[in-house]
């Protein structure tokens, strides 16, 4: 628990990004927290914080979310979450941390392509995205980049993109937290970390919401790429130092 003072600024910054864009909290926090914690601790802590801070965004999100896309993503997520839980408990911590960074880097490279709206968006594409996000959410708390990649290539407007992502993350994280609770005994450290880090997280989210309503972005791509590159580089450095 001596690392608590280092963790608060990480979740505060991630909360600002989450409140502004609707995504980014988990991918920033999990790699930041992995610098000090094992994945079996950092993943439930990040999921718990992200779920709690998302509740304040729920009412706004449900008004603007694209219902068909949301339902398809959740259906796929229900398949992916059990697979991710197996990976979380079967893979060694060092390898899981490295896998997280590799996967984030691949998604960054895909997002660097000029993402044009897909004209014929199929149910299959939505379901595959949901499965991949479910695996990433429960194994490493990084289900967001998969959904972000899909959303950026959709024809939805920015407000609908943000609302759909927020609503999906609330539901998928709730399911993943239930899975984590069923699959392992309670860890008091997890609850202590969540209790200590909740306030800076919520403050960050409120600040992010404030800026979104006054200066909404034209696209989330310019915001997401630098953040994902930054956390991936930091994560690689830490992951390789463990070998």
C-alpha atoms as a PDB file:
ATOM      1  CA  UNK A   1       0.000   0.000   0.000  1.00  0.00           C
ATOM      2  CA  UNK A   2       3.034   2.297   0.082  1.00  0.00           C
ATOM      3  CA  UNK A   3       2.473   3.068  -3.633  1.00  0.00           C
ATOM      4  CA  UNK A   4      -0.856   4.854  -3.053  1.00  0.00           C
ATOM      5  CA  UNK A   5       0.651   8.341  -3.356  1.00  0.00           C
ATOM      6  CA  UNK A   6       1.905   7.469  -6.848  1.00  0.00           C
ATOM      7  CA  UNK A   7      -1.420   6.049  -7.998  1.00  0.00           C
ATOM      8  CA  UNK A   8      -3.678   9.041  -7.260  1.00  0.00           C
ATOM      9  CA  UNK A   9      -2.229  11.321  -9.996  1.00  0.00           C
ATOM     10  CA  UNK A  10      -2.563   8.472 -12.521  1.00  0.00           C
ATOM     11  CA  UNK A  11      -6.280   7.939 -11.925  1.00  0.00           C
ATOM     12  CA  UNK A  12      -6.912  11.703 -11.640  1.00  0.00           C
ATOM     13  CA  UNK A  13      -5.471  12.279 -15.109  1.00  0.00           C
ATOM     14  CA  UNK A  14      -7.243   9.214 -16.492  1.00  0.00           C
ATOM     15  CA  UNK A  15     -10.514  10.489 -14.994  1.00  0.00           C
ATOM     16  CA  UNK A  16     -10.180  13.796 -16.856  1.00  0.00           C
ATOM     17  CA  UNK A  17      -9.707  11.920 -20.124  1.00  0.00           C
ATOM     18  CA  UNK A  18     -12.696   9.668 -19.328  1.00  0.00           C
ATOM     19  CA  UNK A  19     -15.009  12.548 -18.505  1.00  0.00           C
ATOM     20  CA  UNK A  20     -14.031  14.431 -21.639  1.00  0.00           C
ATOM     21  CA  UNK A  21     -13.955  11.666 -24.220  1.00  0.00           C
ATOM     22  CA  UNK A  22     -15.969   8.783 -22.741  1.00  0.00           C
ATOM     23  CA  UNK A  23     -12.992   6.421 -23.001  1.00  0.00           C
ATOM     24  CA  UNK A  24      -9.364   6.130 -21.968  1.00  0.00           C
ATOM     25  CA  UNK A  25      -9.617   5.683 -18.201  1.00  0.00           C
ATOM     26  CA  UNK A  26      -8.982   1.946 -18.169  1.00  0.00           C
ATOM     27  CA  UNK A  27      -6.157   1.837 -20.720  1.00  0.00           C
ATOM     28  CA  UNK A  28      -4.295   4.696 -19.018  1.00  0.00           C
ATOM     29  CA  UNK A  29      -4.926   3.490 -15.479  1.00  0.00           C
ATOM     30  CA  UNK A  30      -4.170  -0.198 -15.954  1.00  0.00           C
ATOM     31  CA  UNK A  31      -0.764   0.420 -17.504  1.00  0.00           C
ATOM     32  CA  UNK A  32      -0.014   3.127 -14.928  1.00  0.00           C
ATOM     33  CA  UNK A  33      -1.093   0.953 -12.006  1.00  0.00           C
ATOM     34  CA  UNK A  34       0.815  -2.012 -13.429  1.00  0.00           C
ATOM     35  CA  UNK A  35       3.996  -0.059 -12.709  1.00  0.00           C
ATOM     36  CA  UNK A  36       3.278  -0.686  -9.014  1.00  0.00           C
ATOM     37  CA  UNK A  37       0.742  -3.552  -8.790  1.00  0.00           C
ATOM     38  CA  UNK A  38       0.200  -7.036 -10.160  1.00  0.00           C
ATOM     39  CA  UNK A  39      -2.483  -7.382 -12.872  1.00  0.00           C
ATOM     40  CA  UNK A  40      -4.655  -9.537 -10.598  1.00  0.00           C
ATOM     41  CA  UNK A  41      -4.931  -6.459  -8.341  1.00  0.00           C
ATOM     42  CA  UNK A  42      -4.777  -3.597 -10.854  1.00  0.00           C
ATOM     43  CA  UNK A  43      -7.450  -5.027 -13.189  1.00  0.00           C
ATOM     44  CA  UNK A  44     -10.280  -5.251 -10.606  1.00  0.00           C
ATOM     45  CA  UNK A  45      -9.239  -1.884  -9.109  1.00  0.00           C
ATOM     46  CA  UNK A  46      -9.417  -0.163 -12.500  1.00  0.00           C
ATOM     47  CA  UNK A  47     -12.677  -1.880 -13.428  1.00  0.00           C
ATOM     48  CA  UNK A  48     -14.212  -0.904 -10.094  1.00  0.00           C
ATOM     49  CA  UNK A  49     -13.146   2.738 -10.378  1.00  0.00           C
ATOM     50  CA  UNK A  50     -14.203   3.041 -14.002  1.00  0.00           C
ATOM     51  CA  UNK A  51     -17.598   1.501 -13.273  1.00  0.00           C
ATOM     52  CA  UNK A  52     -18.282   3.795 -10.322  1.00  0.00           C
ATOM     53  CA  UNK A  53     -17.222   6.970 -12.121  1.00  0.00           C
ATOM     54  CA  UNK A  54     -19.255   5.981 -15.193  1.00  0.00           C
ATOM     55  CA  UNK A  55     -22.490   5.965 -13.196  1.00  0.00           C
ATOM     56  CA  UNK A  56     -22.478   9.767 -13.187  1.00  0.00           C
ATOM     57  CA  UNK A  57     -22.370   9.686 -17.007  1.00  0.00           C
ATOM     58  CA  UNK A  58     -25.178   7.132 -17.367  1.00  0.00           C
ATOM     59  CA  UNK A  59     -28.168   9.453 -17.632  1.00  0.00           C
ATOM     60  CA  UNK A  60     -26.593  11.550 -20.365  1.00  0.00           C
ATOM     61  CA  UNK A  61     -25.288   8.505 -22.240  1.00  0.00           C
ATOM     62  CA  UNK A  62     -28.599   6.664 -22.398  1.00  0.00           C
ATOM     63  CA  UNK A  63     -30.210   9.653 -24.132  1.00  0.00           C
ATOM     64  CA  UNK A  64     -27.728   9.732 -27.007  1.00  0.00           C
ATOM     65  CA  UNK A  65     -26.424   6.156 -27.392  1.00  0.00           C
ATOM     66  CA  UNK A  66     -27.051   4.114 -30.549  1.00  0.00           C
ATOM     67  CA  UNK A  67     -29.187   1.285 -29.164  1.00  0.00           C
ATOM     68  CA  UNK A  68     -28.604  -1.306 -31.917  1.00  0.00           C
ATOM     69  CA  UNK A  69     -24.832  -0.936 -31.714  1.00  0.00           C
ATOM     70  CA  UNK A  70     -24.905  -1.035 -27.921  1.00  0.00           C
ATOM     71  CA  UNK A  71     -26.933  -4.261 -27.817  1.00  0.00           C
ATOM     72  CA  UNK A  72     -24.705  -6.040 -30.336  1.00  0.00           C
ATOM     73  CA  UNK A  73     -21.515  -5.041 -28.510  1.00  0.00           C
ATOM     74  CA  UNK A  74     -22.912  -6.298 -25.203  1.00  0.00           C
ATOM     75  CA  UNK A  75     -23.960  -9.621 -26.772  1.00  0.00           C
ATOM     76  CA  UNK A  76     -20.396 -10.181 -28.009  1.00  0.00           C
ATOM     77  CA  UNK A  77     -18.968  -9.048 -24.682  1.00  0.00           C
ATOM     78  CA  UNK A  78     -20.880 -11.793 -22.846  1.00  0.00           C
ATOM     79  CA  UNK A  79     -18.932 -14.351 -24.891  1.00  0.00           C
ATOM     80  CA  UNK A  80     -15.551 -12.659 -24.478  1.00  0.00           C
ATOM     81  CA  UNK A  81     -15.521 -11.983 -20.730  1.00  0.00           C
ATOM     82  CA  UNK A  82     -15.201 -15.645 -19.584  1.00  0.00           C
ATOM     83  CA  UNK A  83     -12.290 -16.114 -22.013  1.00  0.00           C
ATOM     84  CA  UNK A  84     -10.559 -13.039 -20.596  1.00  0.00           C
ATOM     85  CA  UNK A  85     -10.981 -14.263 -17.021  1.00  0.00           C
ATOM     86  CA  UNK A  86      -9.181 -17.493 -17.927  1.00  0.00           C
ATOM     87  CA  UNK A  87      -6.269 -15.496 -19.365  1.00  0.00           C
ATOM     88  CA  UNK A  88      -6.072 -13.298 -16.257  1.00  0.00           C
ATOM     89  CA  UNK A  89      -5.628 -16.248 -13.907  1.00  0.00           C
ATOM     90  CA  UNK A  90      -3.605 -18.549 -16.186  1.00  0.00           C
ATOM     91  CA  UNK A  91      -0.990 -16.192 -17.679  1.00  0.00           C
ATOM     92  CA  UNK A  92       2.050 -15.128 -15.590  1.00  0.00           C
ATOM     93  CA  UNK A  93       1.885 -11.466 -14.527  1.00  0.00           C
ATOM     94  CA  UNK A  94       4.949 -10.383 -16.547  1.00  0.00           C
ATOM     95  CA  UNK A  95       3.641 -11.957 -19.746  1.00  0.00           C
ATOM     96  CA  UNK A  96       0.183 -10.477 -19.259  1.00  0.00           C
ATOM     97  CA  UNK A  97       1.631  -6.990 -18.788  1.00  0.00           C
ATOM     98  CA  UNK A  98       3.664  -7.397 -21.975  1.00  0.00           C
ATOM     99  CA  UNK A  99       0.648  -8.719 -23.873  1.00  0.00           C
ATOM    100  CA  UNK A 100      -1.367  -5.682 -22.782  1.00  0.00           C
ATOM    101  CA  UNK A 101       1.249  -3.298 -24.202  1.00  0.00           C
ATOM    102  CA  UNK A 102       1.615  -5.251 -27.455  1.00  0.00           C
ATOM    103  CA  UNK A 103      -2.123  -5.257 -28.011  1.00  0.00           C
ATOM    104  CA  UNK A 104      -2.451  -1.531 -27.311  1.00  0.00           C
ATOM    105  CA  UNK A 105       0.389  -0.855 -29.781  1.00  0.00           C
ATOM    106  CA  UNK A 106      -1.322  -2.905 -32.511  1.00  0.00           C
ATOM    107  CA  UNK A 107      -4.537  -0.969 -31.996  1.00  0.00           C
ATOM    108  CA  UNK A 108      -2.651   2.329 -32.179  1.00  0.00           C
ATOM    109  CA  UNK A 109      -1.189   1.277 -35.534  1.00  0.00           C
ATOM    110  CA  UNK A 110      -4.660   0.402 -36.789  1.00  0.00           C
ATOM    111  CA  UNK A 111      -6.069   3.708 -35.574  1.00  0.00           C
ATOM    112  CA  UNK A 112      -3.265   5.605 -37.331  1.00  0.00           C
ATOM    113  CA  UNK A 113      -4.802   4.478 -40.588  1.00  0.00           C
ATOM    114  CA  UNK A 114      -7.239   6.984 -42.023  1.00  0.00           C
ATOM    115  CA  UNK A 115     -10.393   5.538 -40.544  1.00  0.00           C
ATOM    116  CA  UNK A 116     -13.264   6.139 -42.944  1.00  0.00           C
ATOM    117  CA  UNK A 117     -16.863   5.367 -41.972  1.00  0.00           C
ATOM    118  CA  UNK A 118     -17.838   1.839 -43.012  1.00  0.00           C
ATOM    119  CA  UNK A 119     -20.798   1.993 -45.355  1.00  0.00           C
ATOM    120  CA  UNK A 120     -22.114  -1.512 -44.697  1.00  0.00           C
ATOM    121  CA  UNK A 121     -21.717  -1.934 -40.951  1.00  0.00           C
ATOM    122  CA  UNK A 122     -22.728  -5.535 -40.220  1.00  0.00           C
ATOM    123  CA  UNK A 123     -23.995  -7.246 -37.089  1.00  0.00           C
ATOM    124  CA  UNK A 124     -21.053  -9.660 -37.361  1.00  0.00           C
ATOM    125  CA  UNK A 125     -18.584  -6.784 -37.109  1.00  0.00           C
ATOM    126  CA  UNK A 126     -20.332  -5.448 -34.008  1.00  0.00           C
ATOM    127  CA  UNK A 127     -20.365  -8.887 -32.361  1.00  0.00           C
ATOM    128  CA  UNK A 128     -16.671  -9.542 -33.067  1.00  0.00           C
ATOM    129  CA  UNK A 129     -15.815  -6.151 -31.579  1.00  0.00           C
ATOM    130  CA  UNK A 130     -17.858  -7.007 -28.488  1.00  0.00           C
ATOM    131  CA  UNK A 131     -16.111 -10.377 -28.061  1.00  0.00           C
ATOM    132  CA  UNK A 132     -12.656  -8.784 -28.374  1.00  0.00           C
ATOM    133  CA  UNK A 133     -13.607  -6.040 -25.938  1.00  0.00           C
ATOM    134  CA  UNK A 134     -14.954  -8.569 -23.426  1.00  0.00           C
ATOM    135  CA  UNK A 135     -11.693 -10.527 -23.533  1.00  0.00           C
ATOM    136  CA  UNK A 136      -9.648  -7.359 -23.086  1.00  0.00           C
ATOM    137  CA  UNK A 137     -11.854  -5.984 -20.307  1.00  0.00           C
ATOM    138  CA  UNK A 138     -11.801  -9.006 -18.004  1.00  0.00           C
ATOM    139  CA  UNK A 139      -8.196 -10.064 -18.674  1.00  0.00           C
ATOM    140  CA  UNK A 140      -6.459  -6.703 -18.631  1.00  0.00           C
ATOM    141  CA  UNK A 141      -9.068  -3.914 -18.295  1.00  0.00           C
ATOM    142  CA  UNK A 142      -8.342  -2.765 -21.866  1.00  0.00           C
ATOM    143  CA  UNK A 143     -11.625  -3.390 -23.650  1.00  0.00           C
ATOM    144  CA  UNK A 144     -11.874   0.257 -24.658  1.00  0.00           C
ATOM    145  CA  UNK A 145      -9.407   0.414 -27.574  1.00  0.00           C
ATOM    146  CA  UNK A 146     -11.274  -2.318 -29.486  1.00  0.00           C
ATOM    147  CA  UNK A 147     -14.563  -0.455 -29.189  1.00  0.00           C
ATOM    148  CA  UNK A 148     -12.839   2.838 -29.968  1.00  0.00           C
ATOM    149  CA  UNK A 149     -11.397   1.402 -33.183  1.00  0.00           C
ATOM    150  CA  UNK A 150     -14.861   0.228 -34.231  1.00  0.00           C
ATOM    151  CA  UNK A 151     -16.579   3.486 -33.240  1.00  0.00           C
ATOM    152  CA  UNK A 152     -14.096   5.675 -35.133  1.00  0.00           C
ATOM    153  CA  UNK A 153     -14.884   3.810 -38.352  1.00  0.00           C
ATOM    154  CA  UNK A 154     -18.645   4.111 -37.851  1.00  0.00           C
ATOM    155  CA  UNK A 155     -20.864   6.809 -39.311  1.00  0.00           C
ATOM    156  CA  UNK A 156     -22.126   7.925 -35.883  1.00  0.00           C
ATOM    157  CA  UNK A 157     -21.619  11.550 -34.841  1.00  0.00           C
ATOM    158  CA  UNK A 158     -19.227  12.420 -32.020  1.00  0.00           C
ATOM    159  CA  UNK A 159     -21.902  12.782 -29.302  1.00  0.00           C
ATOM    160  CA  UNK A 160     -23.465   9.430 -30.222  1.00  0.00           C
ATOM    161  CA  UNK A 161     -20.029   7.770 -30.357  1.00  0.00           C
ATOM    162  CA  UNK A 162     -19.215   9.005 -26.850  1.00  0.00           C
ATOM    163  CA  UNK A 163     -22.601   8.027 -25.414  1.00  0.00           C
ATOM    164  CA  UNK A 164     -22.529   4.536 -26.956  1.00  0.00           C
ATOM    165  CA  UNK A 165     -19.037   3.871 -25.592  1.00  0.00           C
ATOM    166  CA  UNK A 166     -19.956   5.077 -22.100  1.00  0.00           C
ATOM    167  CA  UNK A 167     -23.107   2.938 -21.950  1.00  0.00           C
ATOM    168  CA  UNK A 168     -21.271  -0.135 -23.223  1.00  0.00           C
ATOM    169  CA  UNK A 169     -18.421   0.294 -20.735  1.00  0.00           C
ATOM    170  CA  UNK A 170     -20.852   0.559 -17.807  1.00  0.00           C
ATOM    171  CA  UNK A 171     -22.546  -2.718 -18.700  1.00  0.00           C
ATOM    172  CA  UNK A 172     -19.418  -4.645 -19.762  1.00  0.00           C
ATOM    173  CA  UNK A 173     -17.479  -3.607 -16.653  1.00  0.00           C
ATOM    174  CA  UNK A 174     -20.380  -4.584 -14.399  1.00  0.00           C
ATOM    175  CA  UNK A 175     -20.424  -8.043 -15.994  1.00  0.00           C
ATOM    176  CA  UNK A 176     -16.627  -8.365 -15.714  1.00  0.00           C
ATOM    177  CA  UNK A 177     -16.690  -7.337 -12.043  1.00  0.00           C
ATOM    178  CA  UNK A 178     -19.320  -9.978 -11.322  1.00  0.00           C
ATOM    179  CA  UNK A 179     -17.127 -12.541 -13.089  1.00  0.00           C
ATOM    180  CA  UNK A 180     -14.087 -11.493 -11.078  1.00  0.00           C
ATOM    181  CA  UNK A 181     -16.056 -11.683  -7.852  1.00  0.00           C
ATOM    182  CA  UNK A 182     -17.285 -15.185  -8.632  1.00  0.00           C
ATOM    183  CA  UNK A 183     -13.925 -16.501  -9.833  1.00  0.00           C
ATOM    184  CA  UNK A 184     -11.729 -15.375  -6.936  1.00  0.00           C
ATOM    185  CA  UNK A 185     -11.946 -14.700  -3.226  1.00  0.00           C
ATOM    186  CA  UNK A 186     -12.216 -11.093  -2.086  1.00  0.00           C
ATOM    187  CA  UNK A 187      -8.939  -9.231  -1.740  1.00  0.00           C
ATOM    188  CA  UNK A 188      -8.982  -6.520   0.930  1.00  0.00           C
ATOM    189  CA  UNK A 189      -6.216  -4.620  -0.854  1.00  0.00           C
ATOM    190  CA  UNK A 190      -8.464  -4.199  -3.902  1.00  0.00           C
ATOM    191  CA  UNK A 191     -11.176  -2.540  -1.815  1.00  0.00           C
ATOM    192  CA  UNK A 192      -8.647  -0.312  -0.057  1.00  0.00           C
ATOM    193  CA  UNK A 193      -7.164   0.871  -3.348  1.00  0.00           C
ATOM    194  CA  UNK A 194     -10.632   1.598  -4.760  1.00  0.00           C
ATOM    195  CA  UNK A 195     -11.665   3.528  -1.633  1.00  0.00           C
ATOM    196  CA  UNK A 196      -8.480   5.625  -1.658  1.00  0.00           C
ATOM    197  CA  UNK A 197      -8.470   6.330  -5.401  1.00  0.00           C
ATOM    198  CA  UNK A 198     -12.190   6.969  -5.883  1.00  0.00           C
ATOM    199  CA  UNK A 199     -12.182  10.663  -4.936  1.00  0.00           C
ATOM    200  CA  UNK A 200      -9.354  11.738  -7.297  1.00  0.00           C
ATOM    201  CA  UNK A 201     -10.996   9.664 -10.045  1.00  0.00           C
ATOM    202  CA  UNK A 202     -14.404  11.331  -9.605  1.00  0.00           C
ATOM    203  CA  UNK A 203     -12.864  14.807  -9.469  1.00  0.00           C
ATOM    204  CA  UNK A 204     -11.018  14.097 -12.710  1.00  0.00           C
ATOM    205  CA  UNK A 205     -14.209  12.875 -14.410  1.00  0.00           C
ATOM    206  CA  UNK A 206     -16.109  16.017 -13.404  1.00  0.00           C
ATOM    207  CA  UNK A 207     -13.333  18.231 -14.790  1.00  0.00           C
ATOM    208  CA  UNK A 208     -13.386  16.255 -18.055  1.00  0.00           C
ATOM    209  CA  UNK A 209     -17.183  16.613 -18.344  1.00  0.00           C
ATOM    210  CA  UNK A 210     -16.863  20.347 -17.785  1.00  0.00           C
ATOM    211  CA  UNK A 211     -14.483  20.740 -20.716  1.00  0.00           C
ATOM    212  CA  UNK A 212     -16.491  18.397 -23.000  1.00  0.00           C
ATOM    213  CA  UNK A 213     -19.680  20.450 -22.680  1.00  0.00           C
ATOM    214  CA  UNK A 214     -17.808  23.672 -23.403  1.00  0.00           C
ATOM    215  CA  UNK A 215     -15.330  22.504 -26.044  1.00  0.00           C
ATOM    216  CA  UNK A 216     -16.465  19.160 -27.559  1.00  0.00           C
ATOM    217  CA  UNK A 217     -13.883  17.622 -29.940  1.00  0.00           C
ATOM    218  CA  UNK A 218     -14.527  17.253 -33.663  1.00  0.00           C
ATOM    219  CA  UNK A 219     -12.931  13.804 -33.541  1.00  0.00           C
ATOM    220  CA  UNK A 220     -11.605  11.562 -30.766  1.00  0.00           C
ATOM    221  CA  UNK A 221      -8.787  10.244 -32.934  1.00  0.00           C
ATOM    222  CA  UNK A 222      -6.364  13.108 -32.271  1.00  0.00           C
ATOM    223  CA  UNK A 223      -6.913  12.706 -28.531  1.00  0.00           C
ATOM    224  CA  UNK A 224      -6.779   8.922 -28.326  1.00  0.00           C
ATOM    225  CA  UNK A 225      -3.621   8.180 -30.318  1.00  0.00           C
ATOM    226  CA  UNK A 226      -1.049  10.208 -28.310  1.00  0.00           C
ATOM    227  CA  UNK A 227      -2.457   8.881 -25.022  1.00  0.00           C
ATOM    228  CA  UNK A 228      -2.370   5.257 -26.133  1.00  0.00           C
ATOM    229  CA  UNK A 229       1.171   5.603 -27.510  1.00  0.00           C
ATOM    230  CA  UNK A 230       2.338   7.171 -24.247  1.00  0.00           C
ATOM    231  CA  UNK A 231       0.917   4.480 -21.973  1.00  0.00           C
ATOM    232  CA  UNK A 232       2.139   1.691 -24.263  1.00  0.00           C
ATOM    233  CA  UNK A 233       5.735   2.995 -24.242  1.00  0.00           C
ATOM    234  CA  UNK A 234       5.742   3.320 -20.451  1.00  0.00           C
ATOM    235  CA  UNK A 235       4.233  -0.138 -20.117  1.00  0.00           C
ATOM    236  CA  UNK A 236       6.851  -1.706 -22.429  1.00  0.00           C
ATOM    237  CA  UNK A 237       9.677  -0.226 -20.411  1.00  0.00           C
ATOM    238  CA  UNK A 238       8.279  -1.611 -17.183  1.00  0.00           C
ATOM    239  CA  UNK A 239       7.302  -4.982 -18.689  1.00  0.00           C
ATOM    240  CA  UNK A 240      10.764  -5.660 -20.145  1.00  0.00           C
ATOM    241  CA  UNK A 241      12.431  -4.673 -16.879  1.00  0.00           C
ATOM    242  CA  UNK A 242      10.615  -7.586 -15.211  1.00  0.00           C
ATOM    243  CA  UNK A 243      12.335 -10.195 -17.401  1.00  0.00           C
END
